[in-house]
Amino acid sequence: MSELDETRHVTGFTIITGLSGAGRSEAAHCLEDLGYFVVDNLPPALLPKMAELTTRPGGPARVAIVVDARGGVFFSELSKALEELKKLHADYRIVFLEASDDDLVNRYEATRRRHPLAPADRVVEGIRKERHILGELRGHADLVIDTSGLTPHELRDRIREAFADAPPEEGIQVSVVSFGFKFGAPRDADMQLDVRFLPNPHWVPELRALPGTDQRVRDYVQSQDAYGTFIERVTALLDATVPGFVAEGKSYLTVSIGCTGGHHRSVVVAEALGAYFRDHGLPVVVVHRDVDRG
């Protein structure tokens, strides 16, 4: 029998993983600032032992473990370790960080470091190998964060939004993200909506320079015939799916809304959906990714 009694549950246990260069270290530092006990590059086989330590008197209440492909043969043991955590009734979460190939290559070139899976080969080859190795794990992640185009400060904001505002006991944490398709769609969205079918305020001279947070732009978008029907159908979809996500134990839900430039229509709809989630008592963060971009 394990030292962890079956009736006791580990809380605040977070596993940080993802692609090399995607921001794992920055995420770990942010969690450390939030009061987590952070261990970097722990062999997966030791995860159950670390979980047991959190239940002992004086042990850390919240733990974050960084696990990555540098673990070599240990990494292949991760699935076994996660199964052991389930047997121990450990309430763990997996945070997976990724980024586009271009962003990862640029970061490696800026630091002049070698990729851990391609020490004598091109960086892109190391990225390809790592994506293959981590593909299945990404599918099991509770939270996927795409750090493409994010500064370290913006990544820390995302981590704080996910962990500081909604402890696990509060249920699912929702992020609503508006974006412009011209700048690329977010890779980490669980649900993506395209609102380019709505008339674009960009073509109204007096509205062009105003953001979607301005009441005049909001009134214009919400006055369109298709807007009311669209919001009604989307909220009906959320009414049907969100309770299921909560029942299945999903910790994070990211809904992205895109228009051409991320300046008008998507911002209006994102604010409306943010209000929907708040009205339903769910913690929500609304992020307008591209509202200030040219």
Protein backbone atom coordinates (compact mmCIF):
# COMPACT_ATOMS: atom_id res chain seq x y z
CA MET A 1 0.00 0.00 0.00
CA SER A 2 1.28 3.46 -0.88
CA GLU A 3 2.08 5.96 1.83
CA LEU A 4 -0.74 8.07 0.37
CA ASP A 5 -4.00 6.82 1.89
CA GLU A 6 -6.80 6.22 -0.64
CA THR A 7 -9.08 8.67 1.14
CA ARG A 8 -6.61 11.52 0.91
CA HIS A 9 -6.37 13.70 -2.16
CA VAL A 10 -3.43 15.68 -3.44
CA THR A 11 -4.41 19.20 -4.51
CA GLY A 12 -2.46 21.93 -6.23
CA PHE A 13 -0.27 19.44 -8.13
CA THR A 14 0.66 20.82 -11.57
CA ILE A 15 2.77 19.25 -14.30
CA ILE A 16 4.36 21.72 -16.73
CA THR A 17 5.48 20.32 -20.05
CA GLY A 18 5.61 21.22 -23.72
CA LEU A 19 8.06 22.13 -26.44
CA SER A 20 11.57 23.32 -25.69
CA GLY A 21 11.71 27.07 -26.15
CA ALA A 22 7.95 27.53 -25.67
CA GLY A 23 8.30 29.08 -22.21
CA ARG A 24 8.33 26.27 -19.67
CA SER A 25 10.91 28.00 -17.50
CA GLU A 26 9.02 31.30 -17.57
CA ALA A 27 5.83 29.49 -16.57
CA ALA A 28 7.66 27.73 -13.74
CA HIS A 29 9.09 31.00 -12.45
CA CYS A 30 5.63 32.56 -12.49
CA LEU A 31 4.15 29.70 -10.48
CA GLU A 32 7.03 29.99 -8.03
CA ASP A 33 6.08 33.65 -7.56
CA LEU A 34 2.51 32.51 -6.87
CA GLY A 35 3.72 30.33 -4.00
CA TYR A 36 4.21 26.99 -5.74
CA PHE A 37 7.09 24.68 -4.85
CA VAL A 38 8.71 24.16 -8.26
CA VAL A 39 10.95 21.26 -9.33
CA ASP A 40 12.57 21.41 -12.77
CA ASN A 41 13.17 18.37 -14.99
CA LEU A 42 12.05 15.76 -12.46
CA PRO A 43 12.21 12.17 -13.79
CA PRO A 44 8.58 11.09 -14.33
CA ALA A 45 9.07 7.97 -12.20
CA LEU A 46 9.41 10.24 -9.16
CA LEU A 47 6.10 12.05 -9.69
CA PRO A 48 4.11 9.72 -7.37
CA LYS A 49 6.71 10.15 -4.63
CA MET A 50 6.49 13.93 -4.97
CA ALA A 51 2.71 13.69 -4.75
CA GLU A 52 3.02 11.76 -1.50
CA LEU A 53 5.26 14.44 -0.04
CA THR A 54 2.52 17.05 -0.46
CA THR A 55 0.29 15.12 1.97
CA ARG A 56 2.82 15.01 4.81
CA PRO A 57 2.75 17.53 7.65
CA GLY A 58 4.86 20.51 6.69
CA GLY A 59 4.98 19.45 3.06
CA PRO A 60 4.39 21.94 0.23
CA ALA A 61 0.69 22.65 -0.36
CA ARG A 62 1.09 23.46 -4.05
CA VAL A 63 3.66 21.82 -6.30
CA ALA A 64 4.62 22.40 -9.93
CA ILE A 65 6.83 19.88 -11.74
CA VAL A 66 8.55 20.62 -15.05
CA VAL A 67 8.75 17.48 -17.20
CA ASP A 68 10.23 17.52 -20.70
CA ALA A 69 11.90 15.44 -23.36
CA ARG A 70 15.32 16.04 -21.82
CA GLY A 71 14.39 13.22 -19.46
CA GLY A 72 15.43 10.73 -22.13
CA VAL A 73 14.41 7.19 -21.14
CA PHE A 74 12.64 8.59 -18.09
CA PHE A 75 10.20 10.44 -20.34
CA SER A 76 8.83 7.15 -21.65
CA GLU A 77 7.79 6.39 -18.07
CA LEU A 78 5.48 9.40 -17.87
CA SER A 79 2.33 7.52 -18.84
CA LYS A 80 3.02 4.94 -16.16
CA ALA A 81 3.63 7.69 -13.59
CA LEU A 82 0.35 9.43 -14.50
CA GLU A 83 -1.53 6.16 -14.04
CA GLU A 84 0.07 5.81 -10.61
CA LEU A 85 -1.03 9.34 -9.73
CA LYS A 86 -4.62 8.40 -10.60
CA LYS A 87 -4.40 5.35 -8.33
CA LEU A 88 -3.20 7.65 -5.56
CA HIS A 89 -6.20 9.93 -6.15
CA ALA A 90 -3.82 12.77 -6.95
CA ASP A 91 -5.69 15.80 -8.29
CA TYR A 92 -3.14 16.87 -10.89
CA ARG A 93 -3.28 19.21 -13.88
CA ILE A 94 -1.14 19.20 -17.01
CA VAL A 95 -0.14 22.52 -18.58
CA PHE A 96 1.29 22.18 -22.09
CA LEU A 97 3.19 25.04 -23.72
CA GLU A 98 3.78 25.20 -27.46
CA ALA A 99 4.63 27.70 -30.17
CA SER A 100 4.90 27.85 -33.94
CA ASP A 101 8.02 26.43 -35.62
CA ASP A 102 9.03 29.92 -36.77
CA ASP A 103 8.83 31.34 -33.24
CA LEU A 104 10.78 28.44 -31.77
CA VAL A 105 13.50 28.69 -34.42
CA ASN A 106 13.79 32.45 -33.86
CA ARG A 107 14.12 31.96 -30.11
CA TYR A 108 16.87 29.39 -30.52
CA GLU A 109 18.70 31.64 -32.96
CA ALA A 110 18.43 34.57 -30.55
CA THR A 111 19.90 32.56 -27.66
CA ARG A 112 22.34 30.58 -29.87
CA ARG A 113 21.44 27.43 -27.96
CA ARG A 114 21.18 23.94 -29.43
CA HIS A 115 17.92 22.04 -29.36
CA PRO A 116 18.12 19.19 -26.79
CA LEU A 117 16.85 16.64 -29.32
CA ALA A 118 19.08 17.84 -32.17
CA PRO A 119 22.47 18.72 -30.64
CA ALA A 120 24.22 18.07 -33.96
CA ASP A 121 21.37 18.77 -36.34
CA ARG A 122 19.14 21.63 -37.45
CA VAL A 123 16.82 23.15 -34.85
CA VAL A 124 13.78 22.40 -37.02
CA GLU A 125 14.64 18.70 -36.88
CA GLY A 126 14.72 18.79 -33.08
CA ILE A 127 11.36 20.57 -33.05
CA ARG A 128 9.88 17.93 -35.35
CA LYS A 129 11.11 15.09 -33.12
CA GLU A 130 9.82 16.76 -29.98
CA ARG A 131 6.36 17.44 -31.46
CA HIS A 132 6.13 13.75 -32.33
CA ILE A 133 7.20 12.63 -28.85
CA LEU A 134 4.82 15.01 -27.08
CA GLY A 135 1.85 14.65 -29.43
CA GLU A 136 -0.15 12.25 -27.28
CA LEU A 137 0.61 14.11 -24.06
CA ARG A 138 -0.68 17.35 -25.60
CA GLY A 139 -4.02 15.66 -26.14
CA HIS A 140 -4.27 14.90 -22.42
CA ALA A 141 -3.35 18.42 -21.27
CA ASP A 142 -5.81 20.38 -19.14
CA LEU A 143 -4.47 23.69 -20.42
CA VAL A 144 -2.62 24.33 -23.69
CA ILE A 145 -0.94 27.72 -24.05
CA ASP A 146 0.31 28.84 -27.44
CA THR A 147 3.15 31.28 -26.75
CA SER A 148 3.63 32.29 -30.38
CA GLY A 149 4.09 36.05 -30.47
CA LEU A 150 3.88 36.37 -26.69
CA THR A 151 6.46 38.30 -24.71
CA PRO A 152 7.64 36.77 -21.40
CA HIS A 153 5.51 39.38 -19.62
CA GLU A 154 2.40 38.37 -21.60
CA LEU A 155 3.04 34.69 -20.87
CA ARG A 156 3.31 35.42 -17.16
CA ASP A 157 -0.02 37.25 -17.39
CA ARG A 158 -1.62 34.15 -18.96
CA ILE A 159 -0.25 31.94 -16.20
CA ARG A 160 -1.41 34.29 -13.46
CA GLU A 161 -4.86 34.50 -15.04
CA ALA A 162 -5.14 30.71 -15.10
CA PHE A 163 -3.75 29.98 -11.64
CA ALA A 164 -4.21 33.02 -9.43
CA ASP A 165 -7.81 33.83 -10.34
CA ALA A 166 -9.31 30.36 -10.26
CA PRO A 167 -8.02 27.78 -7.79
CA PRO A 168 -9.02 24.20 -8.71
CA GLU A 169 -11.81 24.09 -6.16
CA GLU A 170 -13.62 26.93 -7.96
CA GLY A 171 -14.22 24.80 -11.03
CA ILE A 172 -13.49 25.50 -14.66
CA GLN A 173 -11.48 28.61 -15.58
CA VAL A 174 -12.60 30.24 -18.83
CA SER A 175 -10.52 32.37 -21.17
CA VAL A 176 -12.25 34.26 -23.98
CA VAL A 177 -9.79 35.50 -26.60
CA SER A 178 -10.54 37.85 -29.49
CA PHE A 179 -8.08 37.76 -32.40
CA GLY A 180 -7.52 38.73 -36.02
CA PHE A 181 -7.20 35.97 -38.62
CA LYS A 182 -4.67 38.13 -40.48
CA PHE A 183 -2.31 37.62 -37.53
CA GLY A 184 -2.97 33.89 -37.22
CA ALA A 185 -5.50 31.93 -35.18
CA PRO A 186 -4.64 30.85 -31.61
CA ARG A 187 -3.44 27.25 -31.44
CA ASP A 188 -4.65 26.68 -27.90
CA ALA A 189 -8.40 27.29 -28.30
CA ASP A 190 -10.85 24.56 -27.32
CA MET A 191 -13.60 26.29 -29.31
CA GLN A 192 -13.11 28.79 -32.16
CA LEU A 193 -15.75 31.09 -33.66
CA ASP A 194 -15.47 33.07 -36.90
CA VAL A 195 -17.47 36.34 -36.89
CA ARG A 196 -16.30 37.69 -40.25
CA PHE A 197 -19.84 37.20 -41.55
CA LEU A 198 -20.89 40.32 -39.60
CA PRO A 199 -20.61 43.72 -41.37
CA ASN A 200 -17.19 45.21 -40.67
CA PRO A 201 -17.06 48.58 -38.81
CA HIS A 202 -13.72 49.13 -40.55
CA TRP A 203 -15.69 50.36 -43.57
CA VAL A 204 -17.57 52.94 -41.52
CA PRO A 205 -15.27 56.01 -41.47
CA GLU A 206 -16.31 57.29 -38.05
CA LEU A 207 -15.81 53.82 -36.48
CA ARG A 208 -12.64 52.66 -38.23
CA ALA A 209 -10.18 53.96 -35.63
CA LEU A 210 -12.27 52.95 -32.61
CA PRO A 211 -11.78 49.61 -30.81
CA GLY A 212 -14.53 47.10 -30.26
CA THR A 213 -14.66 48.10 -26.60
CA ASP A 214 -16.07 51.50 -27.61
CA GLN A 215 -19.82 51.74 -27.12
CA ARG A 216 -20.33 53.17 -30.62
CA VAL A 217 -18.69 50.15 -32.23
CA ARG A 218 -20.56 47.82 -29.91
CA ASP A 219 -23.90 49.40 -30.82
CA TYR A 220 -23.10 49.09 -34.55
CA VAL A 221 -22.16 45.40 -34.35
CA GLN A 222 -25.00 44.43 -32.04
CA SER A 223 -27.55 46.22 -34.26
CA GLN A 224 -26.85 43.90 -37.20
CA ASP A 225 -29.65 41.46 -38.03
CA ALA A 226 -27.39 38.40 -37.83
CA TYR A 227 -25.85 39.32 -34.48
CA GLY A 228 -28.78 38.44 -32.23
CA THR A 229 -29.38 35.06 -33.86
CA PHE A 230 -25.67 34.26 -33.71
CA ILE A 231 -25.33 35.07 -29.99
CA GLU A 232 -28.49 33.10 -29.24
CA ARG A 233 -27.13 30.01 -31.02
CA VAL A 234 -23.66 30.32 -29.49
CA THR A 235 -24.96 30.68 -25.93
CA ALA A 236 -27.25 27.68 -26.54
CA LEU A 237 -24.16 25.72 -27.61
CA LEU A 238 -22.34 26.81 -24.47
CA ASP A 239 -25.38 25.92 -22.33
CA ALA A 240 -25.13 22.39 -23.72
CA THR A 241 -21.35 21.89 -23.61
CA VAL A 242 -19.95 23.77 -20.60
CA PRO A 243 -21.77 21.67 -17.96
CA GLY A 244 -20.34 18.59 -19.66
CA PHE A 245 -16.83 20.02 -19.52
CA VAL A 246 -17.28 20.75 -15.81
CA ALA A 247 -18.68 17.26 -15.13
CA GLU A 248 -15.71 15.70 -16.92
CA GLY A 249 -13.32 17.62 -14.67
CA LYS A 250 -11.93 19.95 -17.31
CA SER A 251 -10.01 22.69 -15.52
CA TYR A 252 -9.68 25.22 -18.35
CA LEU A 253 -11.75 26.25 -21.33
CA THR A 254 -10.47 28.64 -24.00
CA VAL A 255 -12.96 30.14 -26.47
CA SER A 256 -11.48 32.21 -29.30
CA ILE A 257 -13.41 34.60 -31.54
CA GLY A 258 -11.85 35.83 -34.75
CA CYS A 259 -12.54 38.56 -37.27
CA THR A 260 -10.24 39.99 -39.94
CA GLY A 261 -8.03 42.23 -37.81
CA GLY A 262 -9.15 41.47 -34.25
CA HIS A 263 -10.05 45.13 -33.73
CA HIS A 264 -13.85 45.39 -33.93
CA ARG A 265 -16.27 42.48 -34.35
CA SER A 266 -14.39 39.78 -32.44
CA VAL A 267 -13.84 42.20 -29.54
CA VAL A 268 -17.56 42.94 -29.27
CA VAL A 269 -18.50 39.26 -29.33
CA ALA A 270 -15.74 38.34 -26.86
CA GLU A 271 -17.06 40.91 -24.38
CA ALA A 272 -20.57 39.51 -24.79
CA LEU A 273 -19.39 35.95 -24.13
CA GLY A 274 -17.35 37.12 -21.17
CA ALA A 275 -20.55 38.57 -19.71
CA TYR A 276 -22.33 35.25 -20.41
CA PHE A 277 -19.78 33.28 -18.39
CA ARG A 278 -19.81 35.80 -15.54
CA ASP A 279 -23.61 35.65 -15.42
CA HIS A 280 -23.31 31.88 -15.05
CA GLY A 281 -20.95 32.24 -12.09
CA LEU A 282 -17.81 31.03 -13.87
CA PRO A 283 -14.43 32.75 -13.48
CA VAL A 284 -13.53 34.25 -16.84
CA VAL A 285 -10.72 36.31 -18.33
CA VAL A 286 -11.31 38.22 -21.57
CA VAL A 287 -8.21 38.89 -23.66
CA HIS A 288 -8.17 41.06 -26.80
CA ARG A 289 -5.02 39.75 -28.44
CA ASP A 290 -4.87 41.98 -31.51
CA VAL A 291 -7.00 45.00 -30.68
CA ASP A 292 -4.00 47.33 -30.62
CA ARG A 293 -2.20 45.90 -33.68
CA GLY A 294 -2.11 47.76 -36.96
